[in-house]
Amino acid sequence: MAINKNHEFDDLQGVKCAIVEKNVSQERADFLKALLECNGYVVVVAPAPPPKAMPAAEEGAAVAPASFIVGVTDVSFSAVMAVYGRQLHTQDGHVVSLAYWQQKEAVSDVEVPYFEKQL
């Protein structure tokens, strides 16, 4: 049972994991996996379950999962606390900013406050 919406956990591929994000694309899953493994977390990426009202696919056609669930084996992990608590670092040693986490910026720059940035 989750403490709140920001601290969910579940079994992914038979391993108890704190959920980082649900229903993410393959590119987003790869980004999160690389970032979290760089910070020492063991990451589990599992295909998201199909929606209940799924359109009928052609017979014999293999459908690749459209979305994934990303989790870490440290069940005390909270993505919100990790980003805002400045606990995560990029591969080049910079602190992960919210814009970097959301993949709005290619380089994490926490020296300029978010309210002064021109987006």
Protein backbone atom coordinates (compact mmCIF):
# COMPACT_ATOMS: atom_id res chain seq x y z
CA MET A 1 0.00 0.00 0.00
CA ALA A 2 1.33 3.42 -0.94
CA ILE A 3 1.99 6.09 1.65
CA ASN A 4 0.67 8.66 -0.81
CA LYS A 5 0.43 9.14 -4.58
CA ASN A 6 4.12 10.11 -4.73
CA HIS A 7 5.31 6.93 -3.00
CA GLU A 8 3.92 3.90 -4.80
CA PHE A 9 5.47 0.46 -4.92
CA ASP A 10 4.64 -2.78 -6.64
CA ASP A 11 6.11 -6.10 -7.78
CA LEU A 12 7.89 -5.72 -11.13
CA GLN A 13 9.14 -8.96 -12.64
CA GLY A 14 8.94 -10.62 -9.22
CA VAL A 15 10.94 -7.89 -7.41
CA LYS A 16 9.43 -5.44 -4.91
CA CYS A 17 10.09 -1.96 -6.34
CA ALA A 18 9.30 1.67 -5.67
CA ILE A 19 7.58 2.99 -8.78
CA VAL A 20 9.44 5.88 -10.42
CA GLU A 21 7.08 6.44 -13.36
CA LYS A 22 4.29 4.52 -15.07
CA ASN A 23 3.26 4.40 -18.72
CA VAL A 24 6.48 5.83 -20.15
CA SER A 25 7.89 5.39 -23.64
CA GLN A 26 10.95 3.29 -24.40
CA GLU A 27 13.09 6.44 -24.77
CA ARG A 28 11.94 7.80 -21.40
CA ALA A 29 12.54 4.41 -19.74
CA ASP A 30 16.07 4.30 -21.17
CA PHE A 31 16.77 7.84 -19.93
CA LEU A 32 15.52 7.10 -16.41
CA LYS A 33 17.34 3.78 -16.25
CA ALA A 34 20.68 5.37 -17.20
CA LEU A 35 20.19 8.28 -14.78
CA LEU A 36 19.15 6.15 -11.81
CA GLU A 37 21.81 3.48 -12.36
CA CYS A 38 24.41 6.28 -12.47
CA ASN A 39 23.18 7.22 -8.98
CA GLY A 40 23.57 3.70 -7.62
CA TYR A 41 20.00 2.41 -7.84
CA VAL A 42 19.04 -0.99 -9.19
CA VAL A 43 16.42 -0.27 -11.87
CA VAL A 44 13.69 -2.62 -13.10
CA VAL A 45 11.83 -1.80 -16.32
CA ALA A 46 8.71 -3.84 -17.02
CA PRO A 47 6.08 -3.62 -19.75
CA ALA A 48 2.93 -1.86 -18.59
CA PRO A 49 -0.19 -4.01 -18.58
CA PRO A 50 -2.39 -3.49 -21.62
CA PRO A 51 -5.41 -1.23 -21.22
CA LYS A 52 -8.67 -2.98 -20.43
CA ALA A 53 -10.39 -1.72 -23.58
CA MET A 54 -7.73 -2.61 -26.13
CA PRO A 55 -8.60 -2.43 -29.83
CA ALA A 56 -8.51 -5.73 -31.65
CA ALA A 57 -5.17 -6.47 -33.31
CA GLU A 58 -4.70 -8.48 -36.47
CA GLU A 59 -4.28 -12.18 -35.94
CA GLY A 60 -0.68 -13.33 -35.72
CA ALA A 61 0.67 -9.79 -35.34
CA ALA A 62 3.00 -9.42 -32.39
CA VAL A 63 2.34 -6.12 -30.62
CA ALA A 64 5.27 -4.57 -28.81
CA PRO A 65 4.41 -2.93 -25.49
CA ALA A 66 3.71 0.76 -26.03
CA SER A 67 4.52 1.79 -22.49
CA PHE A 68 6.65 0.69 -19.59
CA ILE A 69 6.81 0.95 -15.80
CA VAL A 70 10.13 2.04 -14.28
CA GLY A 71 10.93 1.10 -10.70
CA VAL A 72 13.89 0.87 -8.33
CA THR A 73 14.53 -1.88 -5.79
CA ASP A 74 14.99 0.67 -2.99
CA VAL A 75 11.37 0.87 -1.77
CA SER A 76 12.10 4.06 0.16
CA PHE A 77 12.86 5.91 -3.10
CA SER A 78 10.62 8.84 -4.01
CA ALA A 79 11.26 10.65 -7.29
CA VAL A 80 9.82 13.90 -5.92
CA MET A 81 12.09 13.85 -2.88
CA ALA A 82 15.11 12.84 -4.96
CA VAL A 83 14.72 15.68 -7.48
CA TYR A 84 13.70 18.46 -5.09
CA GLY A 85 16.09 17.23 -2.41
CA ARG A 86 18.95 17.51 -4.94
CA GLN A 87 19.95 13.90 -4.29
CA LEU A 88 20.42 12.88 -7.93
CA HIS A 89 23.39 13.75 -10.12
CA THR A 90 24.00 13.51 -13.85
CA GLN A 91 26.82 11.42 -15.27
CA ASP A 92 29.03 14.52 -15.44
CA GLY A 93 28.43 15.35 -11.77
CA HIS A 94 25.81 18.12 -11.97
CA VAL A 95 22.78 18.12 -9.69
CA VAL A 96 19.64 17.01 -11.54
CA SER A 97 17.20 19.87 -12.04
CA LEU A 98 13.46 19.46 -12.58
CA ALA A 99 13.79 20.51 -16.23
CA TYR A 100 16.50 17.89 -16.76
CA TRP A 101 14.38 15.21 -15.05
CA GLN A 102 11.46 16.10 -17.32
CA GLN A 103 13.84 16.08 -20.32
CA LYS A 104 13.08 19.70 -21.18
CA GLU A 105 16.78 20.57 -20.99
CA ALA A 106 19.72 18.56 -22.26
CA VAL A 107 22.07 19.92 -19.57
CA SER A 108 21.20 20.26 -15.90
CA ASP A 109 21.75 23.84 -14.71
CA VAL A 110 20.66 24.50 -11.13
CA GLU A 111 22.67 27.73 -10.81
CA VAL A 112 19.94 29.75 -12.55
CA PRO A 113 16.65 29.65 -10.59
CA TYR A 114 13.71 28.20 -12.52
CA PHE A 115 11.73 31.46 -12.29
CA GLU A 116 14.50 33.36 -14.12
CA LYS A 117 14.73 30.93 -17.03
CA GLN A 118 13.34 31.93 -20.39
CA LEU A 119 11.54 28.91 -21.84
